[in-house]
Each structure stands twice: as C-alpha cells, then as structure tokens.
Amino acid sequence: MKQKIILAGGSGLIGGALAREFSARGFQVVVLTRSPKARADGVAEIFWDAKIVDDWAAQLDGAAAIINLTGKNINCPHTAENLRSITASRVNSVNALAAAIAKIKSPPRVWVQASATGFYGDTGDTLCDESAPSGRDALSNICRDWENSFAAATLPTTRKVTLRIGFVLGRESGALPVLSKLTKLFLGGAVGSGRQYISWIHLADLVQMFVAAVEDEKFSGTFNAVAPNAVTNAEFMRELRHVLHRPWSPPAPEFAVKLGARLMGSEPSLALVSQRCAPNFFLDAGFEFQFPGLRGALENLCR
C-alpha cells in the first residue's frame, strides 16, 4: 500500500508542484481544498472548509505526512478586514488540523507547516537567519499568530517543521510571469528605491526542501526556505532584463507603485518591503541547492 501525503490547501503553485513530486516518488497524494475536482493524474481532491473537523479528518489517519499551505492570498489591499481574513484563514486551518490529528488513531509522522519570511518584517539590509526576532508590521503579526498556533498544537508523536517561505519563482504562476511580461514590454525597471532586498527561492529547490522536511527525521523546528543569495530589487530586475534580452528601464517611483497597486487591487508594501534572509539551518543540514544564484534560476525559468 502506498504511503499517503496530505496537502492541505494544495491547489496553488506550490501545492501543484508538491503533488507532482510526491506522486513521482510513489506516494498517494490527497489534496484538501474548498473546490475539489476530478483529476487524471491520480491525485485525490477532498472538500474541506479549513475551519471545522469534518469527514476530511479520516484522510489523516495513517498518513505519512501532512503539509499545510492553507491561507488567503496576501496580494490584496491590506485593509483591517482583509488582514483579519488573512490571519483567520491561516490560524483556523492549523487549529482544525491539530484537532483532527488529536482524534485519529494513527497520526501523521510529520507535519510541515508553511509560514513566510514576512515574519521578520521590514529589515532593510540586515541579514536575518532563523534566530532573528519577529517584526512588528501587519504581515509580521500574521506570521507570528500563524506560527504560534502551530507551536501550541500538542502532538507528541508527530514531528513538526515550519518553513518560512520567501519569494517563490515559478514558471507557471506567481509573480515571475507578471514581472517577465512587464520586462518584455520594456517596463522592467527597479521598484521604488530598488534597495529593498528580495529573499527568493526557485520552486524546484523549495519542493526539495519540503521533501527533505518530510523524509529526513533530522529536520525539526523552523527553517528559512530561501536561496542563499538574496538580492536587491534593482539587482533582481537587472538580472531579469539580462535573461530576457531587454535594455535598462527607468525605475518606477514609490508613488507610482502605490497608485498602480491601488488601481489593480493589490498591496504596494509587498514590493517595497526589504527582507534579506539566509537559509542557515538548511545549509547546516547539508541541503544542496540546484539554483543558488539568481541568474541560473531565471535562465531556467524564462527559457
């Protein structure tokens, strides 16, 4: 019988990549989602509302691992109402999963919980490893509440791992296709001052981080899921222009970024905040990055 992997909230960019990877490794993959659909790849999708323990809880019994990616997209205006919804979507899912695990006979051996480098707040050029303190802005508060709910789950037979995920670079969706399109239209300039750091990670490396967290029992605790070489926004856009064969483009001033975000219904701070993070715990564990440098990652994804 195949071992089972549960992907809670696994219908997005990261979840799709994880489903493909674990299926290829011989696992039975079950996705918990609010909008289940039939799939031809052997992955089962089960309805859950991420709030209450219901029929979906039976899927956890005897599972090898659960990976929780659930959370409302943060790329929306950070109004008080939206921030409450973003927090609730994360904390409620953790609490529901913890309650379900407490009721089943054979709990998963490991629970890998997503968090984000937003935990550290706006850090300027300060390099943050996993020991750095939490920030004090809205997203820091959300990440702190998110991680605290996970820490409060008492699961004596389940190993717990938190991955603070950075700016994920994927070919199919996420921010990179949008930035690539703008750059091809000769709009690939730096954002704001361009000095804010981006702690990026290639999707392929992120997937292998999740695999390591699931399969290697030495992984326990909190890890920064980022590449070892954070870059400034100006450096990021310069590399993207190089890979896409576009010339220098003028920067987008901060006021224009804020105006554009308001018109598109997004949040400007996501492009203006600086987070310079290091994956020290992964490096100490001997994790080997396939894409440690930005140019190689972009060349791979933008072909």
C-alpha atoms as a PDB file:
ATOM      1  CA  MET A   1       0.000   0.000   0.000  1.00  0.00           C
ATOM      2  CA  LYS A   2       1.269   3.449  -0.896  1.00  0.00           C
ATOM      3  CA  GLN A   3       2.145   5.906   1.820  1.00  0.00           C
ATOM      4  CA  LYS A   4      -0.182   8.884   1.897  1.00  0.00           C
ATOM      5  CA  ILE A   5       0.734  12.578   1.769  1.00  0.00           C
ATOM      6  CA  ILE A   6      -1.926  15.138   2.708  1.00  0.00           C
ATOM      7  CA  LEU A   7      -1.650  18.576   1.060  1.00  0.00           C
ATOM      8  CA  ALA A   8      -3.966  20.999   2.843  1.00  0.00           C
ATOM      9  CA  GLY A   9      -4.626  23.999   0.626  1.00  0.00           C
ATOM     10  CA  GLY A  10      -2.587  22.303  -2.067  1.00  0.00           C
ATOM     11  CA  SER A  11      -4.238  23.644  -5.220  1.00  0.00           C
ATOM     12  CA  GLY A  12      -1.847  26.547  -5.898  1.00  0.00           C
ATOM     13  CA  LEU A  13       1.630  26.909  -7.392  1.00  0.00           C
ATOM     14  CA  ILE A  14       3.484  25.188  -4.549  1.00  0.00           C
ATOM     15  CA  GLY A  15       0.829  22.551  -3.943  1.00  0.00           C
ATOM     16  CA  GLY A  16       0.728  21.585  -7.599  1.00  0.00           C
ATOM     17  CA  ALA A  17       4.500  21.123  -7.707  1.00  0.00           C
ATOM     18  CA  LEU A  18       4.457  19.101  -4.473  1.00  0.00           C
ATOM     19  CA  ALA A  19       1.658  16.862  -5.765  1.00  0.00           C
ATOM     20  CA  ARG A  20       3.684  16.052  -8.876  1.00  0.00           C
ATOM     21  CA  GLU A  21       6.868  15.416  -6.900  1.00  0.00           C
ATOM     22  CA  PHE A  22       5.369  13.159  -4.245  1.00  0.00           C
ATOM     23  CA  SER A  23       3.307  11.262  -6.822  1.00  0.00           C
ATOM     24  CA  ALA A  24       6.515  10.609  -8.769  1.00  0.00           C
ATOM     25  CA  ARG A  25       8.070   9.315  -5.543  1.00  0.00           C
ATOM     26  CA  GLY A  26       5.317   6.742  -5.194  1.00  0.00           C
ATOM     27  CA  PHE A  27       3.125   8.436  -2.592  1.00  0.00           C
ATOM     28  CA  GLN A  28      -0.651   8.588  -2.653  1.00  0.00           C
ATOM     29  CA  VAL A  29      -1.398  12.321  -2.687  1.00  0.00           C
ATOM     30  CA  VAL A  30      -4.599  13.750  -1.218  1.00  0.00           C
ATOM     31  CA  VAL A  31      -5.355  17.471  -1.574  1.00  0.00           C
ATOM     32  CA  LEU A  32      -7.716  19.146   0.888  1.00  0.00           C
ATOM     33  CA  THR A  33      -9.401  22.021  -0.924  1.00  0.00           C
ATOM     34  CA  ARG A  34     -12.556  24.121  -0.906  1.00  0.00           C
ATOM     35  CA  SER A  35     -13.111  23.427  -4.612  1.00  0.00           C
ATOM     36  CA  PRO A  36     -12.380  19.742  -5.292  1.00  0.00           C
ATOM     37  CA  LYS A  37     -12.375  18.431  -8.832  1.00  0.00           C
ATOM     38  CA  ALA A  38     -11.698  15.157 -10.591  1.00  0.00           C
ATOM     39  CA  ARG A  39      -8.112  14.765 -11.772  1.00  0.00           C
ATOM     40  CA  ALA A  40      -6.462  12.457 -14.284  1.00  0.00           C
ATOM     41  CA  ASP A  41      -3.112  12.300 -12.501  1.00  0.00           C
ATOM     42  CA  GLY A  42      -4.219  10.018  -9.646  1.00  0.00           C
ATOM     43  CA  VAL A  43      -4.288  12.834  -7.071  1.00  0.00           C
ATOM     44  CA  ALA A  44      -7.469  12.833  -4.965  1.00  0.00           C
ATOM     45  CA  GLU A  45      -9.097  16.139  -4.038  1.00  0.00           C
ATOM     46  CA  ILE A  46     -11.288  16.192  -0.913  1.00  0.00           C
ATOM     47  CA  PHE A  47     -13.512  19.045   0.245  1.00  0.00           C
ATOM     48  CA  TRP A  48     -12.704  20.874   3.457  1.00  0.00           C
ATOM     49  CA  ASP A  49     -13.577  24.328   4.710  1.00  0.00           C
ATOM     50  CA  ALA A  50     -10.393  24.675   6.810  1.00  0.00           C
ATOM     51  CA  LYS A  51     -12.423  25.662   9.861  1.00  0.00           C
ATOM     52  CA  ILE A  52     -14.090  22.621  11.417  1.00  0.00           C
ATOM     53  CA  VAL A  53     -13.250  18.939  11.762  1.00  0.00           C
ATOM     54  CA  ASP A  54     -15.443  17.041   9.335  1.00  0.00           C
ATOM     55  CA  ASP A  55     -15.333  13.961   7.094  1.00  0.00           C
ATOM     56  CA  TRP A  56     -11.963  15.069   5.677  1.00  0.00           C
ATOM     57  CA  ALA A  57     -10.296  14.190   9.002  1.00  0.00           C
ATOM     58  CA  ALA A  58     -10.421  10.476   8.134  1.00  0.00           C
ATOM     59  CA  GLN A  59      -7.856  11.122   5.390  1.00  0.00           C
ATOM     60  CA  LEU A  60      -5.252  11.986   8.029  1.00  0.00           C
ATOM     61  CA  ASP A  61      -5.476   8.626   9.804  1.00  0.00           C
ATOM     62  CA  GLY A  62      -2.366   6.641   8.925  1.00  0.00           C
ATOM     63  CA  ALA A  63      -0.930   9.304   6.628  1.00  0.00           C
ATOM     64  CA  ALA A  64       2.841   9.546   6.420  1.00  0.00           C
ATOM     65  CA  ALA A  65       2.821  13.343   6.415  1.00  0.00           C
ATOM     66  CA  ILE A  66       0.692  16.428   6.196  1.00  0.00           C
ATOM     67  CA  ILE A  67       1.805  19.643   4.514  1.00  0.00           C
ATOM     68  CA  ASN A  68      -0.318  22.699   5.265  1.00  0.00           C
ATOM     69  CA  LEU A  69      -0.212  25.507   2.707  1.00  0.00           C
ATOM     70  CA  THR A  70      -3.619  26.975   3.500  1.00  0.00           C
ATOM     71  CA  GLY A  71      -4.056  30.744   3.543  1.00  0.00           C
ATOM     72  CA  LYS A  72      -5.798  33.612   1.796  1.00  0.00           C
ATOM     73  CA  ASN A  73      -3.611  35.329  -0.800  1.00  0.00           C
ATOM     74  CA  ILE A  74      -1.805  38.310   0.740  1.00  0.00           C
ATOM     75  CA  ASN A  75      -1.741  40.196  -2.585  1.00  0.00           C
ATOM     76  CA  CYS A  76      -4.803  42.265  -1.792  1.00  0.00           C
ATOM     77  CA  PRO A  77      -5.264  45.681  -0.147  1.00  0.00           C
ATOM     78  CA  HIS A  78      -4.218  45.332   3.481  1.00  0.00           C
ATOM     79  CA  THR A  79      -7.369  46.783   4.957  1.00  0.00           C
ATOM     80  CA  ALA A  80      -8.277  45.840   8.516  1.00  0.00           C
ATOM     81  CA  GLU A  81     -10.932  43.458   7.208  1.00  0.00           C
ATOM     82  CA  ASN A  82      -8.577  41.752   4.749  1.00  0.00           C
ATOM     83  CA  LEU A  83      -5.863  41.392   7.380  1.00  0.00           C
ATOM     84  CA  ARG A  84      -8.331  39.710   9.732  1.00  0.00           C
ATOM     85  CA  SER A  85      -9.356  37.357   6.926  1.00  0.00           C
ATOM     86  CA  ILE A  86      -5.735  36.561   6.047  1.00  0.00           C
ATOM     87  CA  THR A  87      -4.963  35.747   9.679  1.00  0.00           C
ATOM     88  CA  ALA A  88      -8.107  33.677  10.209  1.00  0.00           C
ATOM     89  CA  SER A  89      -7.519  31.590   7.085  1.00  0.00           C
ATOM     90  CA  ARG A  90      -4.127  30.547   8.436  1.00  0.00           C
ATOM     91  CA  VAL A  91      -4.817  30.134  12.131  1.00  0.00           C
ATOM     92  CA  ASN A  92      -8.157  28.355  11.640  1.00  0.00           C
ATOM     93  CA  SER A  93      -6.630  25.769   9.320  1.00  0.00           C
ATOM     94  CA  VAL A  94      -3.845  24.976  11.791  1.00  0.00           C
ATOM     95  CA  ASN A  95      -6.320  24.633  14.647  1.00  0.00           C
ATOM     96  CA  ALA A  96      -8.635  22.406  12.602  1.00  0.00           C
ATOM     97  CA  LEU A  97      -5.792  20.096  11.548  1.00  0.00           C
ATOM     98  CA  ALA A  98      -4.488  19.881  15.112  1.00  0.00           C
ATOM     99  CA  ALA A  99      -7.967  18.999  16.400  1.00  0.00           C
ATOM    100  CA  ALA A 100      -8.344  16.330  13.712  1.00  0.00           C
ATOM    101  CA  ILE A 101      -4.964  14.757  14.463  1.00  0.00           C
ATOM    102  CA  ALA A 102      -5.836  14.591  18.163  1.00  0.00           C
ATOM    103  CA  LYS A 103      -8.873  12.425  17.330  1.00  0.00           C
ATOM    104  CA  ILE A 104      -7.397   9.838  14.974  1.00  0.00           C
ATOM    105  CA  LYS A 105      -5.723   6.535  15.851  1.00  0.00           C
ATOM    106  CA  SER A 106      -2.595   6.844  13.702  1.00  0.00           C
ATOM    107  CA  PRO A 107      -1.394  10.476  13.474  1.00  0.00           C
ATOM    108  CA  PRO A 108       0.936  11.549  10.640  1.00  0.00           C
ATOM    109  CA  ARG A 109       4.614  11.080  11.420  1.00  0.00           C
ATOM    110  CA  VAL A 110       5.418  14.638  10.344  1.00  0.00           C
ATOM    111  CA  TRP A 111       3.561  17.913   9.833  1.00  0.00           C
ATOM    112  CA  VAL A 112       5.268  20.507   7.640  1.00  0.00           C
ATOM    113  CA  GLN A 113       3.683  23.918   8.138  1.00  0.00           C
ATOM    114  CA  ALA A 114       4.118  26.829   5.746  1.00  0.00           C
ATOM    115  CA  SER A 115       4.969  30.260   7.099  1.00  0.00           C
ATOM    116  CA  ALA A 116       6.680  33.199   5.394  1.00  0.00           C
ATOM    117  CA  THR A 117       9.731  35.434   5.614  1.00  0.00           C
ATOM    118  CA  GLY A 118       7.226  38.192   6.299  1.00  0.00           C
ATOM    119  CA  PHE A 119       7.735  37.039   9.896  1.00  0.00           C
ATOM    120  CA  TYR A 120      10.812  39.295  10.093  1.00  0.00           C
ATOM    121  CA  GLY A 121       9.120  42.485   8.879  1.00  0.00           C
ATOM    122  CA  ASP A 122      10.969  45.222   7.003  1.00  0.00           C
ATOM    123  CA  THR A 123      14.611  44.531   7.881  1.00  0.00           C
ATOM    124  CA  GLY A 124      16.461  46.819   5.465  1.00  0.00           C
ATOM    125  CA  ASP A 125      19.870  45.311   4.714  1.00  0.00           C
ATOM    126  CA  THR A 126      20.073  43.355   7.997  1.00  0.00           C
ATOM    127  CA  LEU A 127      20.675  39.667   7.317  1.00  0.00           C
ATOM    128  CA  CYS A 128      18.112  37.505   9.141  1.00  0.00           C
ATOM    129  CA  ASP A 129      18.721  33.879   9.989  1.00  0.00           C
ATOM    130  CA  GLU A 130      16.221  31.690  11.823  1.00  0.00           C
ATOM    131  CA  SER A 131      17.154  33.203  15.193  1.00  0.00           C
ATOM    132  CA  ALA A 132      16.164  36.755  14.178  1.00  0.00           C
ATOM    133  CA  PRO A 133      13.170  38.242  16.032  1.00  0.00           C
ATOM    134  CA  SER A 134       9.750  38.861  14.563  1.00  0.00           C
ATOM    135  CA  GLY A 135       8.952  42.262  13.091  1.00  0.00           C
ATOM    136  CA  ARG A 136       6.104  44.496  14.148  1.00  0.00           C
ATOM    137  CA  ASP A 137       4.212  45.251  10.943  1.00  0.00           C
ATOM    138  CA  ALA A 138       0.919  43.718   9.790  1.00  0.00           C
ATOM    139  CA  LEU A 139       2.409  40.703   7.988  1.00  0.00           C
ATOM    140  CA  SER A 140       4.803  40.021  10.862  1.00  0.00           C
ATOM    141  CA  ASN A 141       1.832  39.884  13.212  1.00  0.00           C
ATOM    142  CA  ILE A 142       0.045  37.469  10.896  1.00  0.00           C
ATOM    143  CA  CYS A 143       3.068  35.176  10.630  1.00  0.00           C
ATOM    144  CA  ARG A 144       3.607  35.284  14.378  1.00  0.00           C
ATOM    145  CA  ASP A 145      -0.018  34.320  15.075  1.00  0.00           C
ATOM    146  CA  TRP A 146       0.253  31.624  12.401  1.00  0.00           C
ATOM    147  CA  GLU A 147       3.379  30.092  13.913  1.00  0.00           C
ATOM    148  CA  ASN A 148       2.111  30.428  17.483  1.00  0.00           C
ATOM    149  CA  SER A 149      -0.991  28.416  16.633  1.00  0.00           C
ATOM    150  CA  PHE A 150       1.221  25.690  15.175  1.00  0.00           C
ATOM    151  CA  ALA A 151       3.535  25.737  18.205  1.00  0.00           C
ATOM    152  CA  ALA A 152       0.520  25.398  20.513  1.00  0.00           C
ATOM    153  CA  ALA A 153      -0.576  22.142  18.867  1.00  0.00           C
ATOM    154  CA  THR A 154       0.370  19.317  21.244  1.00  0.00           C
ATOM    155  CA  LEU A 155       1.188  16.347  19.026  1.00  0.00           C
ATOM    156  CA  PRO A 156       3.573  14.026  20.871  1.00  0.00           C
ATOM    157  CA  THR A 157       4.043  11.513  18.028  1.00  0.00           C
ATOM    158  CA  THR A 158       4.182  13.983  15.120  1.00  0.00           C
ATOM    159  CA  ARG A 159       7.421  15.722  14.156  1.00  0.00           C
ATOM    160  CA  LYS A 160       6.782  19.401  13.411  1.00  0.00           C
ATOM    161  CA  VAL A 161       8.607  21.543  10.846  1.00  0.00           C
ATOM    162  CA  THR A 162       7.949  25.175   9.899  1.00  0.00           C
ATOM    163  CA  LEU A 163       9.211  26.585   6.594  1.00  0.00           C
ATOM    164  CA  ARG A 164       9.373  30.371   6.307  1.00  0.00           C
ATOM    165  CA  ILE A 165       8.982  30.672   2.568  1.00  0.00           C
ATOM    166  CA  GLY A 166      10.426  33.565   0.593  1.00  0.00           C
ATOM    167  CA  PHE A 167       9.625  34.973  -2.868  1.00  0.00           C
ATOM    168  CA  VAL A 168       8.884  31.849  -4.916  1.00  0.00           C
ATOM    169  CA  LEU A 169       9.990  31.820  -8.554  1.00  0.00           C
ATOM    170  CA  GLY A 170       7.877  29.546 -10.743  1.00  0.00           C
ATOM    171  CA  ARG A 171       7.287  29.308 -14.455  1.00  0.00           C
ATOM    172  CA  GLU A 172       3.527  28.759 -14.492  1.00  0.00           C
ATOM    173  CA  SER A 173       2.146  31.261 -11.993  1.00  0.00           C
ATOM    174  CA  GLY A 174       3.079  33.570  -9.163  1.00  0.00           C
ATOM    175  CA  ALA A 175       4.856  36.898  -9.541  1.00  0.00           C
ATOM    176  CA  LEU A 176       7.581  35.922 -12.035  1.00  0.00           C
ATOM    177  CA  PRO A 177       5.332  35.578 -15.115  1.00  0.00           C
ATOM    178  CA  VAL A 178       3.901  39.040 -14.375  1.00  0.00           C
ATOM    179  CA  LEU A 179       7.348  40.589 -13.957  1.00  0.00           C
ATOM    180  CA  SER A 180       8.563  38.842 -17.098  1.00  0.00           C
ATOM    181  CA  LYS A 181       5.661  40.217 -19.124  1.00  0.00           C
ATOM    182  CA  LEU A 182       6.326  43.756 -17.906  1.00  0.00           C
ATOM    183  CA  THR A 183      10.028  43.388 -18.638  1.00  0.00           C
ATOM    184  CA  LYS A 184       9.358  42.175 -22.173  1.00  0.00           C
ATOM    185  CA  LEU A 185       7.277  45.339 -22.632  1.00  0.00           C
ATOM    186  CA  PHE A 186      10.333  47.401 -21.609  1.00  0.00           C
ATOM    187  CA  LEU A 187       8.830  48.127 -18.163  1.00  0.00           C
ATOM    188  CA  GLY A 188      11.361  46.135 -16.179  1.00  0.00           C
ATOM    189  CA  GLY A 189      12.848  48.882 -14.045  1.00  0.00           C
ATOM    190  CA  ALA A 190      13.560  48.783 -10.331  1.00  0.00           C
ATOM    191  CA  VAL A 191      10.672  49.383  -7.943  1.00  0.00           C
ATOM    192  CA  GLY A 192      10.907  52.370  -5.621  1.00  0.00           C
ATOM    193  CA  SER A 193      14.474  52.868  -4.407  1.00  0.00           C
ATOM    194  CA  GLY A 194      15.458  49.412  -5.679  1.00  0.00           C
ATOM    195  CA  ARG A 195      17.497  48.911  -2.496  1.00  0.00           C
ATOM    196  CA  GLN A 196      14.959  46.620  -0.820  1.00  0.00           C
ATOM    197  CA  TYR A 197      16.086  43.003  -0.611  1.00  0.00           C
ATOM    198  CA  ILE A 198      14.240  40.050  -2.132  1.00  0.00           C
ATOM    199  CA  SER A 199      14.742  36.650  -0.481  1.00  0.00           C
ATOM    200  CA  TRP A 200      13.859  34.478  -3.453  1.00  0.00           C
ATOM    201  CA  ILE A 201      13.720  30.718  -3.982  1.00  0.00           C
ATOM    202  CA  HIS A 202      13.376  28.635  -7.150  1.00  0.00           C
ATOM    203  CA  LEU A 203      10.277  26.438  -6.983  1.00  0.00           C
ATOM    204  CA  ALA A 204      12.341  23.315  -7.679  1.00  0.00           C
ATOM    205  CA  ASP A 205      14.543  23.963  -4.638  1.00  0.00           C
ATOM    206  CA  LEU A 206      11.529  24.754  -2.482  1.00  0.00           C
ATOM    207  CA  VAL A 207       9.949  21.429  -3.439  1.00  0.00           C
ATOM    208  CA  GLN A 208      13.123  19.596  -2.400  1.00  0.00           C
ATOM    209  CA  MET A 209      13.084  21.461   0.912  1.00  0.00           C
ATOM    210  CA  PHE A 210       9.603  20.084   1.571  1.00  0.00           C
ATOM    211  CA  VAL A 211      10.790  16.606   0.545  1.00  0.00           C
ATOM    212  CA  ALA A 212      13.720  16.830   2.957  1.00  0.00           C
ATOM    213  CA  ALA A 213      11.445  18.027   5.757  1.00  0.00           C
ATOM    214  CA  VAL A 214       9.108  15.075   5.182  1.00  0.00           C
ATOM    215  CA  GLU A 215      11.637  12.303   4.653  1.00  0.00           C
ATOM    216  CA  ASP A 216      14.588  13.246   6.883  1.00  0.00           C
ATOM    217  CA  GLU A 217      13.916  12.981  10.613  1.00  0.00           C
ATOM    218  CA  LYS A 218      16.743  15.381  11.479  1.00  0.00           C
ATOM    219  CA  PHE A 219      14.534  18.226  10.230  1.00  0.00           C
ATOM    220  CA  SER A 220      12.584  19.650  13.134  1.00  0.00           C
ATOM    221  CA  GLY A 221      11.825  23.243  14.084  1.00  0.00           C
ATOM    222  CA  THR A 222      11.855  26.386  11.932  1.00  0.00           C
ATOM    223  CA  PHE A 223      13.770  26.875   8.673  1.00  0.00           C
ATOM    224  CA  ASN A 224      14.136  29.770   6.230  1.00  0.00           C
ATOM    225  CA  ALA A 225      13.067  28.411   2.839  1.00  0.00           C
ATOM    226  CA  VAL A 226      15.058  30.817   0.667  1.00  0.00           C
ATOM    227  CA  ALA A 227      18.068  30.699  -1.641  1.00  0.00           C
ATOM    228  CA  PRO A 228      21.442  31.523  -0.060  1.00  0.00           C
ATOM    229  CA  ASN A 229      21.903  34.717  -2.093  1.00  0.00           C
ATOM    230  CA  ALA A 230      19.250  37.379  -1.520  1.00  0.00           C
ATOM    231  CA  VAL A 231      19.444  40.308  -3.942  1.00  0.00           C
ATOM    232  CA  THR A 232      18.133  43.849  -4.037  1.00  0.00           C
ATOM    233  CA  ASN A 233      15.141  44.687  -6.173  1.00  0.00           C
ATOM    234  CA  ALA A 234      17.414  46.608  -8.561  1.00  0.00           C
ATOM    235  CA  GLU A 235      19.682  43.561  -8.921  1.00  0.00           C
ATOM    236  CA  PHE A 236      16.712  41.265  -9.441  1.00  0.00           C
ATOM    237  CA  MET A 237      15.274  43.398 -12.232  1.00  0.00           C
ATOM    238  CA  ARG A 238      18.698  43.822 -13.838  1.00  0.00           C
ATOM    239  CA  GLU A 239      19.151  40.041 -13.989  1.00  0.00           C
ATOM    240  CA  LEU A 240      15.637  39.576 -15.356  1.00  0.00           C
ATOM    241  CA  ARG A 241      16.289  42.157 -18.099  1.00  0.00           C
ATOM    242  CA  HIS A 242      19.539  40.392 -18.962  1.00  0.00           C
ATOM    243  CA  VAL A 243      17.865  36.986 -19.252  1.00  0.00           C
ATOM    244  CA  LEU A 244      15.012  38.420 -21.346  1.00  0.00           C
ATOM    245  CA  HIS A 245      17.374  40.492 -23.516  1.00  0.00           C
ATOM    246  CA  ARG A 246      15.922  43.863 -22.620  1.00  0.00           C
ATOM    247  CA  PRO A 247      17.800  47.141 -22.075  1.00  0.00           C
ATOM    248  CA  TRP A 248      17.842  49.322 -18.993  1.00  0.00           C
ATOM    249  CA  SER A 249      14.414  50.571 -17.967  1.00  0.00           C
ATOM    250  CA  PRO A 250      13.648  53.576 -15.769  1.00  0.00           C
ATOM    251  CA  PRO A 251      12.651  52.793 -12.176  1.00  0.00           C
ATOM    252  CA  ALA A 252       9.051  53.010 -11.007  1.00  0.00           C
ATOM    253  CA  PRO A 253       8.909  55.652  -8.248  1.00  0.00           C
ATOM    254  CA  GLU A 254       7.225  54.728  -4.993  1.00  0.00           C
ATOM    255  CA  PHE A 255       4.210  56.951  -5.588  1.00  0.00           C
ATOM    256  CA  ALA A 256       3.592  55.253  -8.944  1.00  0.00           C
ATOM    257  CA  VAL A 257       3.864  51.816  -7.338  1.00  0.00           C
ATOM    258  CA  LYS A 258       1.284  52.760  -4.729  1.00  0.00           C
ATOM    259  CA  LEU A 259      -1.045  54.242  -7.342  1.00  0.00           C
ATOM    260  CA  GLY A 260      -0.727  51.214  -9.604  1.00  0.00           C
ATOM    261  CA  ALA A 261      -1.360  48.848  -6.696  1.00  0.00           C
ATOM    262  CA  ARG A 262      -4.499  50.760  -5.765  1.00  0.00           C
ATOM    263  CA  LEU A 263      -5.779  50.555  -9.351  1.00  0.00           C
ATOM    264  CA  MET A 264      -5.047  46.808  -9.564  1.00  0.00           C
ATOM    265  CA  GLY A 265      -6.422  45.952  -6.120  1.00  0.00           C
ATOM    266  CA  SER A 266      -3.074  44.757  -4.787  1.00  0.00           C
ATOM    267  CA  GLU A 267      -0.808  45.741  -1.886  1.00  0.00           C
ATOM    268  CA  PRO A 268       2.187  48.039  -2.643  1.00  0.00           C
ATOM    269  CA  SER A 269       4.125  47.160   0.510  1.00  0.00           C
ATOM    270  CA  LEU A 270       4.761  43.673  -0.892  1.00  0.00           C
ATOM    271  CA  ALA A 271       7.080  45.256  -3.490  1.00  0.00           C
ATOM    272  CA  LEU A 272       8.603  47.899  -1.217  1.00  0.00           C
ATOM    273  CA  VAL A 273       9.448  45.989   1.974  1.00  0.00           C
ATOM    274  CA  SER A 274      13.015  44.678   2.356  1.00  0.00           C
ATOM    275  CA  GLN A 275      13.717  41.166   3.633  1.00  0.00           C
ATOM    276  CA  ARG A 276      17.233  39.791   3.471  1.00  0.00           C
ATOM    277  CA  CYS A 277      17.099  36.235   4.822  1.00  0.00           C
ATOM    278  CA  ALA A 278      19.601  33.386   4.977  1.00  0.00           C
ATOM    279  CA  PRO A 279      18.781  29.633   4.934  1.00  0.00           C
ATOM    280  CA  ASN A 280      21.378  28.822   7.592  1.00  0.00           C
ATOM    281  CA  PHE A 281      19.613  25.778   9.014  1.00  0.00           C
ATOM    282  CA  PHE A 282      19.223  24.190   5.577  1.00  0.00           C
ATOM    283  CA  LEU A 283      22.878  24.901   4.804  1.00  0.00           C
ATOM    284  CA  ASP A 284      23.934  23.422   8.147  1.00  0.00           C
ATOM    285  CA  ALA A 285      21.898  20.316   7.335  1.00  0.00           C
ATOM    286  CA  GLY A 286      23.836  19.900   4.071  1.00  0.00           C
ATOM    287  CA  PHE A 287      20.984  20.829   1.738  1.00  0.00           C
ATOM    288  CA  GLU A 288      22.251  21.223  -1.837  1.00  0.00           C
ATOM    289  CA  PHE A 289      20.652  23.989  -3.880  1.00  0.00           C
ATOM    290  CA  GLN A 290      20.080  23.326  -7.550  1.00  0.00           C
ATOM    291  CA  PHE A 291      19.740  27.077  -8.119  1.00  0.00           C
ATOM    292  CA  PRO A 292      21.803  29.008  -5.542  1.00  0.00           C
ATOM    293  CA  GLY A 293      22.251  32.014  -7.861  1.00  0.00           C
ATOM    294  CA  LEU A 294      19.557  34.208  -9.329  1.00  0.00           C
ATOM    295  CA  ARG A 295      20.767  34.267 -12.946  1.00  0.00           C
ATOM    296  CA  GLY A 296      20.771  30.488 -13.206  1.00  0.00           C
ATOM    297  CA  ALA A 297      17.294  30.335 -11.689  1.00  0.00           C
ATOM    298  CA  LEU A 298      15.915  32.947 -14.092  1.00  0.00           C
ATOM    299  CA  GLU A 299      17.577  31.345 -17.119  1.00  0.00           C
ATOM    300  CA  ASN A 300      15.976  28.046 -16.174  1.00  0.00           C
ATOM    301  CA  LEU A 301      12.513  29.538 -15.703  1.00  0.00           C
ATOM    302  CA  CYS A 302      12.441  32.092 -18.545  1.00  0.00           C
ATOM    303  CA  ARG A 303      13.521  29.923 -21.428  1.00  0.00           C
END
